[in-house]
Amino acid sequence: MRTVEIKTREGMEEILSRADICYVGIIDLEGNPYVLPMNFGYYDGVVYLHSGPTGSCIDMLRRNNNVCLTFSVGHELVYQDLQVGCSYRMKSKSLICRGSVMFVEEMQAKRKALDIIMKHYTDYPASYSDPAVCNVQVWKIVINSMTAREYAVR
């Protein structure tokens, strides 16, 4: 079994379309890695996330807005020999993206970003009250680089 690089944008976006969680890597205030799982939306080279308007993540991002995003899909345990432990692998596809967080402040732009996030999970139309939109922090991450791999290809 081997690892294959996924080189096409279509192949990378297929991973994005199937993933249900985005793992966001941030640098904390002491300079240490900090990773958290988040819901996300993707549209035209931009990943959108949302959180509360304040908190430790917001403080971290105001100091250093560079992030690493990881997505992984299609997990299946495979092996070459049932009795040889080292022959076991997790068949999957993964995508790593890098970019910088910008916070979306304007109400209509926030609503559009929230619609993109919701569209990733459901076709059901969503609405947002003004107080709800005011009380959410929308993260916009323009992707600077993407790399993808498929693991345990026979």
Foldseek 3Di string as FASTA:
>chain_A
DFKDWDDDPVVQVVLVLPFQWKWKWFQFPVRHIDIDIFQWFDDDQKIKTKDFPDDRVVVRLVVPFKMKIKTKDDWDWDADDPPDPVRIDTWIKMKIFIFGKDWDDDQVVLVVRVQRRVVSPDPDDDDDDPVRSNGMIMIMTRTPDMIMMTPDDD
